[in-house]
Amino acid sequence: MRKTFTTIALDHTPTLLGHRKFNSDPFLKSLGDFGQELRTLETQGFVIKDTELSSGYRIGPQVFVWWLSHKLTQVVRDDGAFNEWLQQQEIDGLL
């Protein structure tokens, strides 16, 4: 479920960060495999359908998007730290 949530959050971040954008294409391509997780996240109010975004969803509670954006901005400054963070989140094989 973390992969699904993170993918949607990455797709949503350009609406908040302006010129900054994370390459979420590899994540978005795998999103179709997570239908059950998407339904669960939608039922719980964590994601909301939004046809304006590539994923078709946006994050409901905005604090999660801001937190993730902040964390990613911190870790991408160091490639080693970013790779380690991806591994810890179990999403390292998608990039």
C-alpha atoms as a PDB file:
ATOM      1  CA  MET A   1       0.000   0.000   0.000  1.00  0.00           C
ATOM      2  CA  ARG A   2       2.975   2.327   0.592  1.00  0.00           C
ATOM      3  CA  LYS A   3       4.001   2.036  -3.063  1.00  0.00           C
ATOM      4  CA  THR A   4       0.523   2.991  -4.208  1.00  0.00           C
ATOM      5  CA  PHE A   5       0.257   5.949  -1.838  1.00  0.00           C
ATOM      6  CA  THR A   6       3.771   7.172  -2.685  1.00  0.00           C
ATOM      7  CA  THR A   7       3.084   6.914  -6.418  1.00  0.00           C
ATOM      8  CA  ILE A   8      -0.024   9.053  -6.122  1.00  0.00           C
ATOM      9  CA  ALA A   9       1.796  11.529  -3.885  1.00  0.00           C
ATOM     10  CA  LEU A  10       4.665  11.820  -6.392  1.00  0.00           C
ATOM     11  CA  ASP A  11       2.165  12.451  -9.164  1.00  0.00           C
ATOM     12  CA  HIS A  12       0.508  15.121  -6.996  1.00  0.00           C
ATOM     13  CA  THR A  13       3.661  17.008  -5.905  1.00  0.00           C
ATOM     14  CA  PRO A  14       4.058  19.224  -9.019  1.00  0.00           C
ATOM     15  CA  THR A  15       0.793  20.945  -8.112  1.00  0.00           C
ATOM     16  CA  LEU A  16       2.427  22.005  -4.845  1.00  0.00           C
ATOM     17  CA  LEU A  17       6.090  22.441  -5.737  1.00  0.00           C
ATOM     18  CA  GLY A  18       5.803  24.464  -8.918  1.00  0.00           C
ATOM     19  CA  HIS A  19       8.960  23.921 -10.970  1.00  0.00           C
ATOM     20  CA  ARG A  20      10.167  20.899  -8.980  1.00  0.00           C
ATOM     21  CA  LYS A  21       9.045  17.524 -10.208  1.00  0.00           C
ATOM     22  CA  PHE A  22      10.011  13.979  -9.387  1.00  0.00           C
ATOM     23  CA  ASN A  23      10.066  11.483 -12.243  1.00  0.00           C
ATOM     24  CA  SER A  24       7.074   9.382 -11.283  1.00  0.00           C
ATOM     25  CA  ASP A  25       6.637   7.705 -14.689  1.00  0.00           C
ATOM     26  CA  PRO A  26       8.074   4.307 -13.637  1.00  0.00           C
ATOM     27  CA  PHE A  27       5.786   4.327 -10.610  1.00  0.00           C
ATOM     28  CA  LEU A  28       2.735   5.358 -12.628  1.00  0.00           C
ATOM     29  CA  LYS A  29       3.280   2.499 -15.087  1.00  0.00           C
ATOM     30  CA  SER A  30       3.030  -0.016 -12.241  1.00  0.00           C
ATOM     31  CA  LEU A  31      -0.050   1.593 -10.655  1.00  0.00           C
ATOM     32  CA  GLY A  32      -2.433  -0.661 -12.584  1.00  0.00           C
ATOM     33  CA  ASP A  33      -1.190  -3.609 -10.529  1.00  0.00           C
ATOM     34  CA  PHE A  34      -2.460  -2.067  -7.304  1.00  0.00           C
ATOM     35  CA  GLY A  35      -6.229  -1.890  -7.817  1.00  0.00           C
ATOM     36  CA  GLN A  36      -7.104  -3.326  -4.406  1.00  0.00           C
ATOM     37  CA  GLU A  37      -4.768  -0.929  -2.636  1.00  0.00           C
ATOM     38  CA  LEU A  38      -6.241   2.017  -4.566  1.00  0.00           C
ATOM     39  CA  ARG A  39      -9.766   1.026  -3.570  1.00  0.00           C
ATOM     40  CA  THR A  40      -8.731   0.678   0.070  1.00  0.00           C
ATOM     41  CA  LEU A  41      -6.963   4.054   0.087  1.00  0.00           C
ATOM     42  CA  GLU A  42      -9.977   5.672  -1.578  1.00  0.00           C
ATOM     43  CA  THR A  43     -12.436   4.092   0.866  1.00  0.00           C
ATOM     44  CA  GLN A  44     -10.338   5.325   3.795  1.00  0.00           C
ATOM     45  CA  GLY A  45     -10.166   8.852   2.358  1.00  0.00           C
ATOM     46  CA  PHE A  46      -6.422   8.894   1.748  1.00  0.00           C
ATOM     47  CA  VAL A  47      -6.822   9.301  -2.026  1.00  0.00           C
ATOM     48  CA  ILE A  48      -9.492  11.052  -4.081  1.00  0.00           C
ATOM     49  CA  LYS A  49     -10.230  10.591  -7.786  1.00  0.00           C
ATOM     50  CA  ASP A  50      -8.822  13.436  -9.861  1.00  0.00           C
ATOM     51  CA  THR A  51      -8.828  13.183 -13.649  1.00  0.00           C
ATOM     52  CA  GLU A  52      -6.444  16.157 -13.914  1.00  0.00           C
ATOM     53  CA  LEU A  53      -3.528  14.018 -12.690  1.00  0.00           C
ATOM     54  CA  SER A  54      -1.797  11.194 -14.569  1.00  0.00           C
ATOM     55  CA  SER A  55      -2.532   8.681 -11.827  1.00  0.00           C
ATOM     56  CA  GLY A  56      -6.222   9.589 -11.806  1.00  0.00           C
ATOM     57  CA  TYR A  57      -5.987  10.299  -8.072  1.00  0.00           C
ATOM     58  CA  ARG A  58      -4.706  12.898  -5.642  1.00  0.00           C
ATOM     59  CA  ILE A  59      -3.859  12.657  -1.978  1.00  0.00           C
ATOM     60  CA  GLY A  60      -6.728  13.683   0.300  1.00  0.00           C
ATOM     61  CA  PRO A  61      -4.885  14.869   3.435  1.00  0.00           C
ATOM     62  CA  GLN A  62      -2.510  17.531   2.059  1.00  0.00           C
ATOM     63  CA  VAL A  63      -0.169  17.235   5.015  1.00  0.00           C
ATOM     64  CA  PHE A  64       1.036  13.888   3.629  1.00  0.00           C
ATOM     65  CA  VAL A  65       2.007  15.454   0.296  1.00  0.00           C
ATOM     66  CA  TRP A  66       3.899  18.265   1.985  1.00  0.00           C
ATOM     67  CA  TRP A  67       5.666  15.846   4.319  1.00  0.00           C
ATOM     68  CA  LEU A  68       6.689  13.525   1.464  1.00  0.00           C
ATOM     69  CA  SER A  69       7.854  16.465  -0.661  1.00  0.00           C
ATOM     70  CA  HIS A  70       9.984  17.710   2.207  1.00  0.00           C
ATOM     71  CA  LYS A  71      11.479  14.262   2.875  1.00  0.00           C
ATOM     72  CA  LEU A  72      12.251  13.628  -0.790  1.00  0.00           C
ATOM     73  CA  THR A  73      13.834  17.042  -1.224  1.00  0.00           C
ATOM     74  CA  GLN A  74      16.119  16.250   1.705  1.00  0.00           C
ATOM     75  CA  VAL A  75      17.179  12.812   0.514  1.00  0.00           C
ATOM     76  CA  VAL A  76      17.636  13.572  -3.197  1.00  0.00           C
ATOM     77  CA  ARG A  77      20.448  15.939  -2.375  1.00  0.00           C
ATOM     78  CA  ASP A  78      22.557  12.825  -1.744  1.00  0.00           C
ATOM     79  CA  ASP A  79      22.197   9.905  -4.189  1.00  0.00           C
ATOM     80  CA  GLY A  80      23.240   7.374  -1.563  1.00  0.00           C
ATOM     81  CA  ALA A  81      20.665   8.639   0.906  1.00  0.00           C
ATOM     82  CA  PHE A  82      17.945   8.622  -1.765  1.00  0.00           C
ATOM     83  CA  ASN A  83      18.711   5.035  -2.801  1.00  0.00           C
ATOM     84  CA  GLU A  84      18.781   3.968   0.837  1.00  0.00           C
ATOM     85  CA  TRP A  85      15.446   5.690   1.483  1.00  0.00           C
ATOM     86  CA  LEU A  86      13.870   3.950  -1.528  1.00  0.00           C
ATOM     87  CA  GLN A  87      15.113   0.591  -0.238  1.00  0.00           C
ATOM     88  CA  GLN A  88      13.726   1.264   3.219  1.00  0.00           C
ATOM     89  CA  GLN A  89      10.350   2.084   1.681  1.00  0.00           C
ATOM     90  CA  GLU A  90      10.574  -1.104  -0.426  1.00  0.00           C
ATOM     91  CA  ILE A  91      10.140   0.835  -3.671  1.00  0.00           C
ATOM     92  CA  ASP A  92      13.718   0.679  -4.972  1.00  0.00           C
ATOM     93  CA  GLY A  93      13.113  -1.727  -7.868  1.00  0.00           C
ATOM     94  CA  LEU A  94      10.865   0.675  -9.755  1.00  0.00           C
ATOM     95  CA  LEU A  95      13.472   3.257 -10.788  1.00  0.00           C
END
